[in-house]
Amino acid sequence: MARVRVRLPGFCVSCRCRVPTQPQQYQQSYNSIYRDDKVEFSNNSVEMNSSGDMLKLESESELGSGKRVMMVVESRVEAKGALQWALSHTIQSQDTVVLLHVAKPSKYGINSGRQKAYELLCSMKDMCQARRPEVRVEIAVVEGKEKQKGPTIVAEAKQQNVSLLVLGQRKHSMVRQLRAMWRGKNTRTRVVDYCIQNANCMTIAVRRKSRKYGGYLITTKRHKNFWLLA
């Protein structure tokens, strides 16, 4: 709505426009997501602030004994990105990081892939110690078939008594997802979803947003692709 006032004889025109304010829908939706996430994390003794930092995970952290955080390690860049996020946002100085790799079952007692797995784990361990030298790091290799990878990870997380399980998540185009579903090879997505839904500890899937926008996309049991500017 606009109100126009004309003054004569100076031919000076003064215009005053009234513009309706934008609805606070975006802010409200963000706050509701944040509150829901905080409830979810609180149910697992975890709290997260608006920048994506874990403020508390298990009462053991406050007592100084620390928590155990399991990272699923793969050769893909997504696993490295998830580890970098965890080192910056969830892991504290008194914590223990468990680097887990699921290797294919060996044939005839010989598995050349196991040596590569240890090399990959050692390189990830070196990265952890370089960025957070005060954090204790353990490595673990377990065997499991590709179709049983999700249950293998969940079982190992339970056995290791971890408080938090973090996995890297890969971005797939819609066409690629449809092809994978048609061929029955959408294994990675099924693994992440299985771990989130069935692990007895807090489970987070992490993926970088993009170079243009920055931040990370976080998926939990309650929210999918929650964008954290961190």
Protein backbone atom coordinates (compact mmCIF):
# COMPACT_ATOMS: atom_id res chain seq x y z
CA MET A 1 0.00 0.00 0.00
CA ALA A 2 1.41 3.44 -0.93
CA ARG A 3 0.54 6.93 0.24
CA VAL A 4 1.46 9.82 -2.06
CA ARG A 5 1.65 13.40 -0.88
CA VAL A 6 2.04 16.25 -3.39
CA ARG A 7 3.14 19.75 -2.42
CA LEU A 8 2.42 22.79 -4.58
CA PRO A 9 3.81 25.06 -5.82
CA GLY A 10 7.24 23.48 -5.44
CA PHE A 11 6.41 20.39 -7.44
CA CYS A 12 8.09 18.34 -4.74
CA VAL A 13 6.67 14.87 -4.55
CA SER A 14 7.09 12.87 -1.39
CA CYS A 15 6.24 9.19 -1.56
CA ARG A 16 5.93 6.88 1.39
CA CYS A 17 5.41 3.21 0.73
CA ARG A 18 4.33 0.65 3.25
CA VAL A 19 5.77 -2.76 2.48
CA PRO A 20 4.50 -5.80 4.35
CA THR A 21 7.19 -7.55 6.34
CA GLN A 22 8.38 -10.96 5.24
CA PRO A 23 6.96 -13.87 7.19
CA GLN A 24 9.28 -15.52 9.65
CA GLN A 25 8.66 -18.94 8.15
CA TYR A 26 12.31 -19.73 7.46
CA GLN A 27 13.49 -18.72 10.90
CA GLN A 28 10.68 -20.62 12.56
CA SER A 29 11.38 -23.74 10.53
CA TYR A 30 15.07 -23.52 11.37
CA ASN A 31 14.33 -23.08 15.06
CA SER A 32 11.91 -26.00 15.05
CA ILE A 33 14.49 -28.24 13.37
CA TYR A 34 17.12 -27.11 15.83
CA ARG A 35 14.84 -27.77 18.79
CA ASP A 36 13.94 -31.20 17.46
CA ASP A 37 17.59 -32.02 16.88
CA LYS A 38 18.42 -30.91 20.40
CA VAL A 39 15.70 -33.17 21.75
CA GLU A 40 17.05 -36.06 19.73
CA PHE A 41 20.61 -35.49 20.87
CA SER A 42 19.46 -34.97 24.45
CA ASN A 43 17.72 -38.33 24.39
CA ASN A 44 21.13 -39.79 23.67
CA SER A 45 22.90 -37.53 26.20
CA VAL A 46 24.05 -35.26 23.41
CA GLU A 47 23.54 -31.56 22.82
CA MET A 48 24.44 -29.64 19.68
CA ASN A 49 24.72 -25.89 19.28
CA SER A 50 23.73 -23.89 16.21
CA SER A 51 27.18 -24.23 14.62
CA GLY A 52 27.03 -28.00 14.83
CA ASP A 53 29.37 -28.51 17.77
CA MET A 54 28.60 -31.33 20.16
CA LEU A 55 28.44 -29.74 23.59
CA LYS A 56 27.90 -32.86 25.62
CA LEU A 57 27.94 -36.56 24.91
CA GLU A 58 27.54 -38.91 27.83
CA SER A 59 28.12 -37.82 31.40
CA GLU A 60 31.50 -39.57 31.29
CA SER A 61 32.95 -36.64 29.36
CA GLU A 62 32.26 -34.30 32.24
CA LEU A 63 33.95 -36.69 34.64
CA GLY A 64 37.09 -36.79 32.53
CA SER A 65 36.91 -40.42 31.39
CA GLY A 66 35.80 -39.39 27.90
CA LYS A 67 33.56 -41.02 25.33
CA ARG A 68 34.23 -43.48 22.54
CA VAL A 69 33.48 -42.31 19.01
CA MET A 70 33.51 -44.80 16.14
CA MET A 71 34.33 -43.63 12.63
CA VAL A 72 33.64 -45.92 9.67
CA VAL A 73 36.71 -45.67 7.43
CA GLU A 74 36.65 -46.22 3.68
CA SER A 75 38.83 -45.18 0.78
CA ARG A 76 36.22 -42.69 -0.43
CA VAL A 77 36.65 -38.98 0.19
CA GLU A 78 33.34 -38.90 2.09
CA ALA A 79 34.85 -40.91 4.95
CA LYS A 80 37.73 -38.46 5.26
CA GLY A 81 35.33 -35.52 5.27
CA ALA A 82 33.25 -37.14 8.01
CA LEU A 83 36.37 -37.70 10.09
CA GLN A 84 37.43 -34.08 9.67
CA TRP A 85 33.98 -32.94 10.78
CA ALA A 86 34.07 -35.19 13.84
CA LEU A 87 37.54 -34.00 14.85
CA SER A 88 36.36 -30.39 14.67
CA HIS A 89 32.85 -30.68 16.11
CA THR A 90 32.34 -33.74 18.32
CA ILE A 91 35.62 -35.07 19.68
CA GLN A 92 37.10 -33.69 22.88
CA SER A 93 40.58 -34.07 24.30
CA GLN A 94 39.68 -36.91 26.70
CA ASP A 95 37.83 -38.96 24.07
CA THR A 96 38.84 -42.12 22.22
CA VAL A 97 38.39 -42.46 18.46
CA VAL A 98 37.82 -45.95 17.07
CA LEU A 99 38.57 -46.18 13.34
CA LEU A 100 36.65 -49.13 11.89
CA HIS A 101 37.02 -50.70 8.47
CA VAL A 102 34.86 -53.56 7.20
CA ALA A 103 36.88 -55.82 4.90
CA LYS A 104 35.55 -58.47 2.56
CA PRO A 105 35.95 -62.05 3.83
CA SER A 106 39.28 -63.58 2.87
CA LYS A 107 39.49 -66.49 0.45
CA TYR A 108 41.60 -69.51 1.34
CA GLY A 109 42.98 -67.66 4.35
CA ILE A 110 44.66 -65.00 2.20
CA ASN A 111 43.34 -61.48 1.98
CA SER A 112 45.50 -58.87 0.30
CA GLY A 113 42.79 -56.32 0.99
CA ARG A 114 43.41 -56.57 4.73
CA GLN A 115 46.88 -55.10 4.32
CA LYS A 116 45.42 -52.21 2.32
CA ALA A 117 42.82 -51.76 5.03
CA TYR A 118 45.50 -51.39 7.69
CA GLU A 119 47.39 -48.93 5.52
CA LEU A 120 44.21 -46.87 5.09
CA LEU A 121 43.49 -46.98 8.81
CA CYS A 122 47.04 -45.96 9.66
CA SER A 123 46.83 -42.96 7.33
CA MET A 124 43.56 -41.90 8.97
CA LYS A 125 45.13 -42.41 12.39
CA ASP A 126 48.04 -40.18 11.40
CA MET A 127 45.57 -37.49 10.36
CA CYS A 128 43.82 -37.74 13.72
CA GLN A 129 47.07 -37.47 15.65
CA ALA A 130 48.24 -34.56 13.53
CA ARG A 131 45.07 -32.55 14.11
CA ARG A 132 44.25 -33.73 17.64
CA PRO A 133 47.40 -35.19 19.22
CA GLU A 134 45.77 -35.34 22.66
CA VAL A 135 43.07 -37.77 21.47
CA ARG A 136 43.57 -41.51 21.79
CA VAL A 137 43.06 -43.42 18.51
CA GLU A 138 42.34 -47.12 18.05
CA ILE A 139 41.98 -49.06 14.80
CA ALA A 140 39.85 -52.12 14.10
CA VAL A 141 39.32 -54.33 11.05
CA VAL A 142 36.40 -56.75 10.86
CA GLU A 143 35.29 -59.01 8.05
CA GLY A 144 31.82 -58.85 6.58
CA LYS A 145 30.04 -59.44 3.31
CA GLU A 146 28.91 -56.39 1.37
CA LYS A 147 25.24 -57.17 1.95
CA GLN A 148 25.89 -57.57 5.69
CA LYS A 149 27.99 -54.44 6.09
CA GLY A 150 25.33 -52.53 8.00
CA PRO A 151 24.70 -55.25 10.60
CA THR A 152 28.47 -55.78 10.91
CA ILE A 153 29.05 -52.10 11.73
CA VAL A 154 26.15 -52.01 14.20
CA ALA A 155 27.38 -55.15 15.97
CA GLU A 156 30.93 -53.82 16.23
CA ALA A 157 29.72 -50.46 17.56
CA LYS A 158 27.80 -52.30 20.27
CA GLN A 159 30.77 -54.51 21.12
CA GLN A 160 33.12 -51.52 21.28
CA ASN A 161 30.62 -49.74 23.56
CA VAL A 162 30.79 -46.49 21.61
CA SER A 163 28.65 -43.45 22.38
CA LEU A 164 28.62 -42.05 18.86
CA LEU A 165 28.85 -43.63 15.40
CA VAL A 166 29.79 -41.41 12.44
CA LEU A 167 29.65 -42.40 8.76
CA GLY A 168 30.46 -40.54 5.58
CA GLN A 169 27.57 -40.13 3.19
CA ARG A 170 27.93 -39.93 -0.57
CA LYS A 171 25.86 -37.69 -2.81
CA HIS A 172 24.07 -39.45 -5.65
CA SER A 173 22.17 -37.88 -8.49
CA MET A 174 18.55 -38.90 -8.98
CA VAL A 175 19.41 -40.79 -12.16
CA ARG A 176 22.19 -42.69 -10.43
CA GLN A 177 19.93 -43.55 -7.50
CA LEU A 178 17.29 -44.92 -9.84
CA ARG A 179 19.87 -46.99 -11.70
CA ALA A 180 21.26 -48.35 -8.44
CA MET A 181 17.80 -49.25 -7.18
CA TRP A 182 16.98 -50.93 -10.50
CA ARG A 183 20.16 -53.01 -10.36
CA GLY A 184 19.85 -53.66 -6.66
CA LYS A 185 23.27 -52.13 -5.98
CA ASN A 186 22.33 -49.16 -3.84
CA THR A 187 24.36 -50.73 -1.05
CA ARG A 188 26.00 -47.66 0.43
CA THR A 189 22.72 -45.86 1.03
CA ARG A 190 21.24 -48.97 2.62
CA VAL A 191 24.27 -49.29 4.91
CA VAL A 192 23.97 -45.71 6.18
CA ASP A 193 20.21 -45.98 6.67
CA TYR A 194 20.53 -49.32 8.43
CA CYS A 195 23.12 -48.00 10.88
CA ILE A 196 21.07 -44.88 11.65
CA GLN A 197 17.92 -46.89 12.32
CA ASN A 198 19.41 -49.88 14.17
CA ALA A 199 22.50 -48.80 16.09
CA ASN A 200 22.01 -48.61 19.85
CA CYS A 201 24.09 -45.41 20.01
CA MET A 202 23.69 -41.98 18.43
CA THR A 203 24.46 -42.33 14.70
CA ILE A 204 25.24 -39.48 12.31
CA ALA A 205 25.83 -39.50 8.55
CA VAL A 206 27.93 -36.56 7.34
CA ARG A 207 28.38 -35.10 3.87
CA ARG A 208 29.94 -31.85 2.71
CA LYS A 209 27.37 -29.46 1.29
CA SER A 210 29.44 -28.00 -1.56
CA ARG A 211 32.39 -25.76 -2.17
CA LYS A 212 30.05 -22.94 -3.14
CA TYR A 213 27.83 -22.98 -0.06
CA GLY A 214 30.09 -24.69 2.48
CA GLY A 215 29.03 -26.47 5.62
CA TYR A 216 27.87 -30.04 6.09
CA LEU A 217 24.67 -32.00 5.61
CA ILE A 218 23.88 -34.05 8.69
CA THR A 219 21.47 -36.99 8.69
CA THR A 220 20.18 -38.56 11.89
CA LYS A 221 17.21 -40.73 12.79
CA ARG A 222 15.01 -37.65 13.08
CA HIS A 223 16.29 -35.35 10.33
CA LYS A 224 17.71 -35.88 6.87
CA ASN A 225 20.28 -33.58 5.26
CA PHE A 226 20.19 -30.97 8.03
CA TRP A 227 22.46 -28.17 6.82
CA LEU A 228 25.06 -26.98 9.33
CA LEU A 229 27.11 -23.93 8.40
CA ALA A 230 30.39 -25.05 9.91
